[in-house]
C-alpha cells in the first residue's frame, strides 16, 4: 500500500491557529509539517492547535517531528494543543510523555476553549474569564501500570 503523504492546511480560529493534518506523519512529512507550522507561527497566535482527525498513521519519525514542533512552540512561548487523536495515539503520546507538554482534547471546540483559557491566564487579567471554567484535557485511555515478566 503506498504511503499517504501529509497534507496540512492552516486556519485561524478564535482562540488559536489550527493546523488540519491529513495523511501520514513520517519522515516524508517534515517539509509539509514545518511549512504549515511556520505559516501558523507567522499569525503570532498564543496557541497552535494540531488537528489529527485526518491522520491515518504516525511512526517514530513522526513522533520526533511532533516533538520538534513542541520545542519550537516552547521556544516562542506558545502552547501546543491537539485533538482528533485515536485512543492508540493518545496512548503513544502518554508513553513518549508528549502529553505532559501537549494538551490533548477530544474535539476542536474543547481545544479552542482550552487555548482561550490559557491565553486569558497568561495575560494575568484580573477580569472574569470569557467562559465559566477552563476545560480539562481529556485522556481517552485509562492509566495502566506495567510489569515486566520474570
N, C-alpha and C. Protein backbone atom coordinates (compact mmCIF):
# COMPACT_ATOMS: atom_id res chain seq x y z
N UNK A 1 0.85 -1.17 0.00
CA UNK A 1 0.00 0.00 0.00
C UNK A 1 0.90 1.24 0.00
N UNK A 2 0.67 2.18 -0.92
CA UNK A 2 1.50 3.38 -0.97
C UNK A 2 1.23 4.29 0.22
N UNK A 3 2.28 4.99 0.62
CA UNK A 3 2.16 5.92 1.75
C UNK A 3 1.32 7.12 1.35
N UNK A 4 0.53 7.62 2.29
CA UNK A 4 -0.24 8.84 2.07
C UNK A 4 0.59 10.00 2.61
N UNK A 5 1.07 10.83 1.71
CA UNK A 5 1.87 11.96 2.14
C UNK A 5 1.03 12.93 2.96
N UNK A 6 1.68 13.62 3.85
CA UNK A 6 0.97 14.55 4.72
C UNK A 6 0.55 15.79 3.95
N UNK A 7 -0.69 16.17 4.15
CA UNK A 7 -1.21 17.44 3.67
C UNK A 7 -1.59 18.23 4.91
N UNK A 8 -1.25 19.50 4.92
CA UNK A 8 -1.55 20.34 6.09
C UNK A 8 -2.09 21.68 5.61
N UNK A 9 -3.15 22.12 6.26
CA UNK A 9 -3.70 23.45 5.98
C UNK A 9 -3.80 24.20 7.30
N UNK A 10 -3.77 25.50 7.19
CA UNK A 10 -3.76 26.36 8.37
C UNK A 10 -4.98 27.27 8.33
N UNK A 11 -5.64 27.39 9.46
CA UNK A 11 -6.78 28.31 9.56
C UNK A 11 -6.77 28.98 10.92
N UNK A 12 -7.23 30.22 10.92
CA UNK A 12 -7.30 31.00 12.14
C UNK A 12 -8.68 30.85 12.75
N UNK A 13 -8.72 30.54 14.03
CA UNK A 13 -9.97 30.45 14.77
C UNK A 13 -9.84 31.33 16.00
N UNK A 14 -10.97 31.68 16.57
CA UNK A 14 -10.94 32.44 17.81
C UNK A 14 -10.33 31.55 18.89
N UNK A 15 -9.22 31.95 19.44
CA UNK A 15 -8.55 31.17 20.46
C UNK A 15 -7.24 30.57 20.01
N UNK A 16 -7.02 30.48 18.70
CA UNK A 16 -5.75 29.92 18.24
C UNK A 16 -5.75 29.62 16.76
N UNK A 17 -4.61 29.18 16.29
CA UNK A 17 -4.45 28.80 14.90
C UNK A 17 -4.46 27.29 14.81
N UNK A 18 -5.27 26.75 13.91
CA UNK A 18 -5.45 25.31 13.78
C UNK A 18 -4.69 24.80 12.56
N UNK A 19 -3.93 23.73 12.75
CA UNK A 19 -3.28 23.02 11.66
C UNK A 19 -4.10 21.75 11.41
N UNK A 20 -4.78 21.69 10.28
CA UNK A 20 -5.54 20.50 9.91
C UNK A 20 -4.59 19.57 9.17
N UNK A 21 -4.35 18.40 9.74
CA UNK A 21 -3.39 17.44 9.20
C UNK A 21 -4.14 16.26 8.59
N UNK A 22 -3.69 15.82 7.40
CA UNK A 22 -4.30 14.68 6.71
C UNK A 22 -3.20 13.82 6.10
N UNK A 23 -3.30 12.52 6.30
CA UNK A 23 -2.33 11.60 5.73
C UNK A 23 -1.50 10.93 6.80
N UNK A 24 -0.23 10.72 6.49
CA UNK A 24 0.69 10.05 7.41
C UNK A 24 1.77 11.01 7.89
N UNK A 25 2.10 10.89 9.17
CA UNK A 25 3.19 11.70 9.73
C UNK A 25 4.38 10.76 9.91
N UNK A 26 5.34 10.92 9.00
CA UNK A 26 6.55 10.10 8.99
C UNK A 26 7.70 10.97 8.49
N UNK A 27 8.81 10.34 8.13
CA UNK A 27 9.97 11.10 7.64
C UNK A 27 9.63 12.04 6.50
N UNK A 28 8.72 11.60 5.64
CA UNK A 28 8.36 12.39 4.46
C UNK A 28 7.49 13.59 4.78
N UNK A 29 7.01 13.69 6.01
CA UNK A 29 6.09 14.75 6.40
C UNK A 29 6.80 16.01 6.88
N UNK A 30 8.10 15.94 7.05
CA UNK A 30 8.83 17.06 7.67
C UNK A 30 8.60 18.38 6.95
N UNK A 31 8.74 18.40 5.64
CA UNK A 31 8.61 19.65 4.90
C UNK A 31 7.20 20.25 5.03
N UNK A 32 6.18 19.43 4.84
CA UNK A 32 4.80 19.92 4.93
C UNK A 32 4.47 20.38 6.35
N UNK A 33 4.90 19.61 7.34
CA UNK A 33 4.61 19.95 8.74
C UNK A 33 5.31 21.24 9.15
N UNK A 34 6.59 21.38 8.79
CA UNK A 34 7.32 22.60 9.13
C UNK A 34 6.78 23.83 8.40
N UNK A 35 6.38 23.65 7.14
CA UNK A 35 5.82 24.79 6.38
C UNK A 35 4.50 25.25 6.99
N UNK A 36 3.65 24.29 7.36
CA UNK A 36 2.36 24.65 7.97
C UNK A 36 2.58 25.31 9.33
N UNK A 37 3.53 24.78 10.10
CA UNK A 37 3.80 25.38 11.41
C UNK A 37 4.33 26.81 11.25
N UNK A 38 5.23 27.02 10.28
CA UNK A 38 5.77 28.37 10.04
C UNK A 38 4.65 29.33 9.63
N UNK A 39 3.72 28.86 8.80
CA UNK A 39 2.58 29.70 8.40
C UNK A 39 1.72 30.05 9.61
N UNK A 40 1.49 29.07 10.48
CA UNK A 40 0.70 29.32 11.69
C UNK A 40 1.42 30.28 12.62
N UNK A 41 2.71 30.07 12.78
CA UNK A 41 3.51 30.91 13.68
C UNK A 41 3.54 32.36 13.19
N UNK A 42 3.50 32.56 11.88
CA UNK A 42 3.52 33.92 11.32
C UNK A 42 2.29 34.72 11.72
N UNK A 43 1.22 34.04 12.08
CA UNK A 43 -0.01 34.72 12.53
C UNK A 43 0.11 35.17 13.99
N UNK A 44 1.20 34.80 14.64
CA UNK A 44 1.51 35.15 16.02
C UNK A 44 0.40 34.77 17.02
N UNK A 45 -0.04 33.52 16.97
CA UNK A 45 -1.08 33.09 17.92
C UNK A 45 -0.46 32.75 19.28
N UNK A 46 -1.27 32.79 20.30
CA UNK A 46 -0.81 32.34 21.61
C UNK A 46 -0.78 30.83 21.71
N UNK A 47 -1.60 30.18 20.86
CA UNK A 47 -1.67 28.72 20.87
C UNK A 47 -1.80 28.21 19.44
N UNK A 48 -1.14 27.09 19.19
CA UNK A 48 -1.28 26.39 17.92
C UNK A 48 -1.91 25.04 18.23
N UNK A 49 -2.96 24.73 17.48
CA UNK A 49 -3.75 23.53 17.74
C UNK A 49 -3.59 22.56 16.57
N UNK A 50 -3.15 21.36 16.88
CA UNK A 50 -2.95 20.33 15.86
C UNK A 50 -4.20 19.46 15.77
N UNK A 51 -4.81 19.42 14.60
CA UNK A 51 -5.99 18.58 14.35
C UNK A 51 -5.52 17.28 13.70
N UNK A 52 -5.52 16.20 14.47
CA UNK A 52 -5.07 14.90 13.98
C UNK A 52 -6.23 14.07 13.42
N UNK A 53 -7.41 14.65 13.26
CA UNK A 53 -8.58 13.91 12.81
C UNK A 53 -8.40 13.22 11.47
N UNK A 54 -7.58 13.77 10.59
CA UNK A 54 -7.37 13.18 9.27
C UNK A 54 -6.07 12.40 9.15
N UNK A 55 -5.40 12.16 10.29
CA UNK A 55 -4.12 11.45 10.26
C UNK A 55 -4.38 9.95 10.39
N UNK A 56 -3.85 9.21 9.43
CA UNK A 56 -4.03 7.76 9.42
C UNK A 56 -2.94 7.01 10.18
N UNK A 57 -1.74 7.59 10.23
CA UNK A 57 -0.59 6.84 10.75
C UNK A 57 0.48 7.82 11.22
N UNK A 58 1.08 7.52 12.35
CA UNK A 58 2.23 8.29 12.85
C UNK A 58 3.29 7.26 13.22
N UNK A 59 4.49 7.37 12.64
CA UNK A 59 5.55 6.45 13.03
C UNK A 59 6.51 7.15 13.98
N UNK A 60 7.58 6.48 14.36
CA UNK A 60 8.51 7.05 15.34
C UNK A 60 9.14 8.34 14.83
N UNK A 61 9.42 8.42 13.54
CA UNK A 61 9.96 9.66 12.98
C UNK A 61 8.92 10.78 13.09
N UNK A 62 7.65 10.43 12.93
CA UNK A 62 6.58 11.41 13.08
C UNK A 62 6.47 11.93 14.50
N UNK A 63 6.66 11.04 15.47
CA UNK A 63 6.65 11.47 16.87
C UNK A 63 7.78 12.47 17.12
N UNK A 64 8.95 12.21 16.51
CA UNK A 64 10.08 13.15 16.64
C UNK A 64 9.71 14.50 16.02
N UNK A 65 9.06 14.49 14.86
CA UNK A 65 8.65 15.74 14.21
C UNK A 65 7.69 16.53 15.09
N UNK A 66 6.75 15.84 15.74
CA UNK A 66 5.82 16.50 16.64
C UNK A 66 6.58 17.07 17.84
N UNK A 67 7.55 16.31 18.33
CA UNK A 67 8.41 16.82 19.41
C UNK A 67 9.17 18.07 18.99
N UNK A 68 9.60 18.13 17.74
CA UNK A 68 10.27 19.33 17.23
C UNK A 68 9.33 20.53 17.20
N UNK A 69 8.06 20.29 16.83
CA UNK A 69 7.08 21.39 16.87
C UNK A 69 6.88 21.88 18.29
N UNK A 70 6.85 20.94 19.23
CA UNK A 70 6.72 21.30 20.64
C UNK A 70 7.89 22.18 21.07
N UNK A 71 9.10 21.82 20.66
CA UNK A 71 10.28 22.62 21.01
C UNK A 71 10.17 24.03 20.44
N UNK A 72 9.71 24.14 19.20
CA UNK A 72 9.52 25.47 18.59
C UNK A 72 8.48 26.27 19.35
N UNK A 73 7.38 25.61 19.71
CA UNK A 73 6.31 26.30 20.43
C UNK A 73 6.80 26.80 21.78
N UNK A 74 7.52 25.95 22.49
CA UNK A 74 8.02 26.35 23.82
C UNK A 74 9.04 27.48 23.71
N UNK A 75 9.89 27.44 22.68
CA UNK A 75 10.89 28.49 22.49
C UNK A 75 10.23 29.84 22.23
N UNK A 76 9.08 29.83 21.57
CA UNK A 76 8.38 31.08 21.28
C UNK A 76 7.25 31.36 22.27
N UNK A 77 7.24 30.59 23.37
CA UNK A 77 6.27 30.76 24.46
C UNK A 77 4.82 30.63 23.97
N UNK A 78 4.61 29.64 23.10
CA UNK A 78 3.26 29.32 22.63
C UNK A 78 2.85 27.98 23.19
N UNK A 79 1.55 27.80 23.37
CA UNK A 79 1.03 26.48 23.78
C UNK A 79 0.77 25.67 22.53
N UNK A 80 1.00 24.38 22.64
CA UNK A 80 0.69 23.45 21.57
C UNK A 80 -0.39 22.51 22.11
N UNK A 81 -1.51 22.46 21.41
CA UNK A 81 -2.64 21.62 21.82
C UNK A 81 -2.95 20.67 20.68
N UNK A 82 -3.68 19.61 21.00
CA UNK A 82 -4.02 18.62 19.98
C UNK A 82 -5.43 18.09 20.21
N UNK A 83 -6.06 17.67 19.13
CA UNK A 83 -7.33 16.95 19.23
C UNK A 83 -7.43 16.03 18.01
N UNK A 84 -8.37 15.10 18.09
CA UNK A 84 -8.59 14.19 16.98
C UNK A 84 -7.68 12.97 16.98
N UNK A 85 -6.94 12.76 18.07
CA UNK A 85 -6.08 11.58 18.16
C UNK A 85 -6.91 10.34 18.48
N UNK A 86 -6.57 9.23 17.86
CA UNK A 86 -7.23 7.96 18.21
C UNK A 86 -6.74 7.54 19.59
N UNK A 87 -7.44 6.60 20.21
CA UNK A 87 -7.02 6.09 21.52
C UNK A 87 -5.59 5.57 21.47
N UNK A 88 -5.25 4.91 20.38
CA UNK A 88 -3.89 4.36 20.23
C UNK A 88 -2.84 5.47 20.29
N UNK A 89 -3.08 6.57 19.58
CA UNK A 89 -2.09 7.65 19.56
C UNK A 89 -2.11 8.47 20.85
N UNK A 90 -3.24 8.54 21.53
CA UNK A 90 -3.25 9.16 22.87
C UNK A 90 -2.31 8.36 23.78
N UNK A 91 -2.39 7.05 23.67
CA UNK A 91 -1.52 6.19 24.48
C UNK A 91 -0.04 6.40 24.10
N UNK A 92 0.24 6.53 22.81
CA UNK A 92 1.62 6.80 22.36
C UNK A 92 2.10 8.14 22.90
N UNK A 93 1.24 9.16 22.87
CA UNK A 93 1.61 10.46 23.43
C UNK A 93 1.90 10.33 24.93
N UNK A 94 1.14 9.48 25.63
CA UNK A 94 1.39 9.25 27.05
C UNK A 94 2.73 8.54 27.27
N UNK A 95 2.97 7.49 26.51
CA UNK A 95 4.21 6.70 26.66
C UNK A 95 5.43 7.56 26.38
N UNK A 96 5.37 8.39 25.34
CA UNK A 96 6.51 9.24 24.97
C UNK A 96 6.57 10.52 25.79
N UNK A 97 5.58 10.72 26.65
CA UNK A 97 5.46 11.89 27.51
C UNK A 97 5.19 13.19 26.75
N UNK A 98 4.83 13.09 25.48
CA UNK A 98 4.40 14.29 24.76
C UNK A 98 3.17 14.89 25.43
N UNK A 99 2.32 14.03 25.99
CA UNK A 99 1.10 14.52 26.63
C UNK A 99 1.37 15.32 27.90
N UNK A 100 2.60 15.27 28.39
CA UNK A 100 2.96 16.12 29.53
C UNK A 100 3.07 17.58 29.11
N UNK A 101 3.28 17.81 27.81
CA UNK A 101 3.52 19.17 27.32
C UNK A 101 2.55 19.62 26.24
N UNK A 102 1.86 18.68 25.62
CA UNK A 102 0.85 18.97 24.61
C UNK A 102 -0.50 18.60 25.22
N UNK A 103 -1.35 19.58 25.43
CA UNK A 103 -2.68 19.29 25.99
C UNK A 103 -3.52 18.60 24.92
N UNK A 104 -4.11 17.47 25.29
CA UNK A 104 -4.90 16.68 24.35
C UNK A 104 -6.38 16.84 24.70
N UNK A 105 -7.17 17.17 23.68
CA UNK A 105 -8.59 17.38 23.85
C UNK A 105 -9.37 16.44 22.94
N UNK A 106 -10.63 16.16 23.28
CA UNK A 106 -11.40 15.22 22.47
C UNK A 106 -11.91 15.80 21.15
N UNK A 107 -12.06 17.15 21.10
CA UNK A 107 -12.63 17.75 19.89
C UNK A 107 -12.14 19.19 19.75
N UNK A 108 -12.46 19.80 18.61
CA UNK A 108 -11.99 21.15 18.32
C UNK A 108 -12.56 22.18 19.29
N UNK A 109 -13.83 22.06 19.60
CA UNK A 109 -14.47 23.04 20.49
C UNK A 109 -13.75 23.12 21.84
N UNK A 110 -13.48 21.97 22.43
CA UNK A 110 -12.81 21.98 23.74
C UNK A 110 -11.35 22.42 23.61
N UNK A 111 -10.70 22.11 22.50
CA UNK A 111 -9.32 22.57 22.30
C UNK A 111 -9.27 24.09 22.18
N UNK A 112 -10.21 24.66 21.42
CA UNK A 112 -10.25 26.12 21.28
C UNK A 112 -10.57 26.79 22.61
N UNK A 113 -11.47 26.18 23.40
CA UNK A 113 -11.77 26.71 24.73
C UNK A 113 -10.54 26.63 25.62
N UNK A 114 -9.80 25.53 25.53
CA UNK A 114 -8.57 25.38 26.31
C UNK A 114 -7.52 26.38 25.90
N UNK A 115 -7.43 26.66 24.61
CA UNK A 115 -6.48 27.66 24.13
C UNK A 115 -6.86 29.05 24.62
N UNK A 116 -8.16 29.37 24.56
CA UNK A 116 -8.62 30.67 25.05
C UNK A 116 -8.37 30.83 26.54
N UNK A 117 -8.57 29.75 27.28
CA UNK A 117 -8.36 29.80 28.73
C UNK A 117 -6.89 30.05 29.04
N UNK A 118 -6.01 29.39 28.32
CA UNK A 118 -4.59 29.56 28.60
C UNK A 118 -4.14 30.97 28.24
N UNK A 119 -4.71 31.56 27.19
CA UNK A 119 -4.35 32.92 26.82
C UNK A 119 -4.83 33.90 27.88
N UNK A 120 -6.04 33.69 28.39
CA UNK A 120 -6.57 34.57 29.42
C UNK A 120 -5.69 34.50 30.67
N UNK A 121 -5.30 33.28 31.05
CA UNK A 121 -4.47 33.11 32.25
C UNK A 121 -3.08 33.70 32.04
N UNK A 122 -2.53 33.61 30.82
CA UNK A 122 -1.19 34.12 30.55
C UNK A 122 -1.12 35.64 30.61
N UNK A 123 -2.24 36.31 30.33
CA UNK A 123 -2.23 37.77 30.35
C UNK A 123 -2.30 38.32 31.78
N UNK A 124 -2.65 37.45 32.74
CA UNK A 124 -2.74 37.90 34.11
C UNK A 124 -3.92 38.82 34.34
N UNK A 125 -4.91 38.69 33.49
CA UNK A 125 -6.09 39.55 33.58
C UNK A 125 -6.79 39.36 34.92
N UNK A 126 -7.22 40.46 35.50
CA UNK A 126 -7.96 40.36 36.75
C UNK A 126 -9.46 40.31 36.50
N UNK A 127 -9.85 40.46 35.23
CA UNK A 127 -11.27 40.39 34.91
C UNK A 127 -11.72 38.93 34.85
N UNK A 128 -13.00 38.76 34.80
CA UNK A 128 -13.56 37.41 34.73
C UNK A 128 -13.25 36.81 33.36
N UNK A 129 -12.87 35.53 33.32
CA UNK A 129 -12.59 34.91 32.03
C UNK A 129 -13.86 34.86 31.18
N UNK A 130 -13.71 34.79 29.85
CA UNK A 130 -14.88 34.81 28.98
C UNK A 130 -15.61 33.48 28.90
N UNK A 131 -15.46 32.61 29.87
CA UNK A 131 -16.11 31.30 29.91
C UNK A 131 -16.27 30.92 31.36
N UNK A 132 -17.07 29.92 31.63
CA UNK A 132 -17.35 29.52 33.00
C UNK A 132 -16.17 28.84 33.68
N UNK A 133 -15.55 27.93 32.99
CA UNK A 133 -14.40 27.25 33.57
C UNK A 133 -13.51 26.75 32.46
N UNK A 134 -12.27 26.57 32.78
CA UNK A 134 -11.32 26.09 31.79
C UNK A 134 -11.53 24.59 31.58
N UNK A 135 -11.72 24.17 30.32
CA UNK A 135 -11.89 22.73 30.09
C UNK A 135 -10.62 21.97 30.45
N UNK A 136 -10.82 20.81 30.94
CA UNK A 136 -9.69 19.97 31.31
C UNK A 136 -9.40 19.03 30.16
N UNK A 137 -8.13 18.92 29.74
CA UNK A 137 -7.82 17.98 28.68
C UNK A 137 -8.30 16.57 29.05
N UNK A 138 -8.83 15.88 28.09
CA UNK A 138 -9.40 14.57 28.33
C UNK A 138 -8.48 13.49 27.77
N UNK A 139 -8.18 12.52 28.57
CA UNK A 139 -7.45 11.35 28.10
C UNK A 139 -8.48 10.27 27.85
N UNK A 140 -8.40 9.68 26.69
CA UNK A 140 -9.41 8.68 26.35
C UNK A 140 -8.99 7.27 26.73
N UNK A 141 -7.78 7.11 27.23
CA UNK A 141 -7.36 5.78 27.67
C UNK A 141 -7.04 5.84 29.15
N UNK A 142 -7.41 4.80 29.89
CA UNK A 142 -7.12 4.81 31.32
C UNK A 142 -5.63 4.61 31.58
N UNK A 143 -5.19 5.08 32.73
CA UNK A 143 -3.80 4.86 33.12
C UNK A 143 -3.60 3.37 33.34
N UNK A 144 -2.43 2.91 32.98
CA UNK A 144 -2.12 1.49 33.14
C UNK A 144 -0.82 1.35 33.90
N UNK A 145 -0.75 0.30 34.69
CA UNK A 145 0.54 0.01 35.32
C UNK A 145 1.15 -1.16 34.54
N UNK A 146 2.42 -1.08 34.33
CA UNK A 146 3.12 -2.08 33.55
C UNK A 146 4.04 -2.89 34.44
N UNK A 147 4.08 -4.17 34.21
CA UNK A 147 5.01 -5.01 34.94
C UNK A 147 5.85 -5.79 33.95
N UNK A 148 7.07 -6.04 34.30
CA UNK A 148 7.97 -6.81 33.45
C UNK A 148 7.84 -8.29 33.80
N UNK A 149 7.78 -9.14 32.77
CA UNK A 149 7.72 -10.57 33.05
C UNK A 149 9.05 -11.04 33.65
N UNK A 150 8.95 -12.05 34.48
CA UNK A 150 10.17 -12.56 35.11
C UNK A 150 10.79 -13.64 34.32
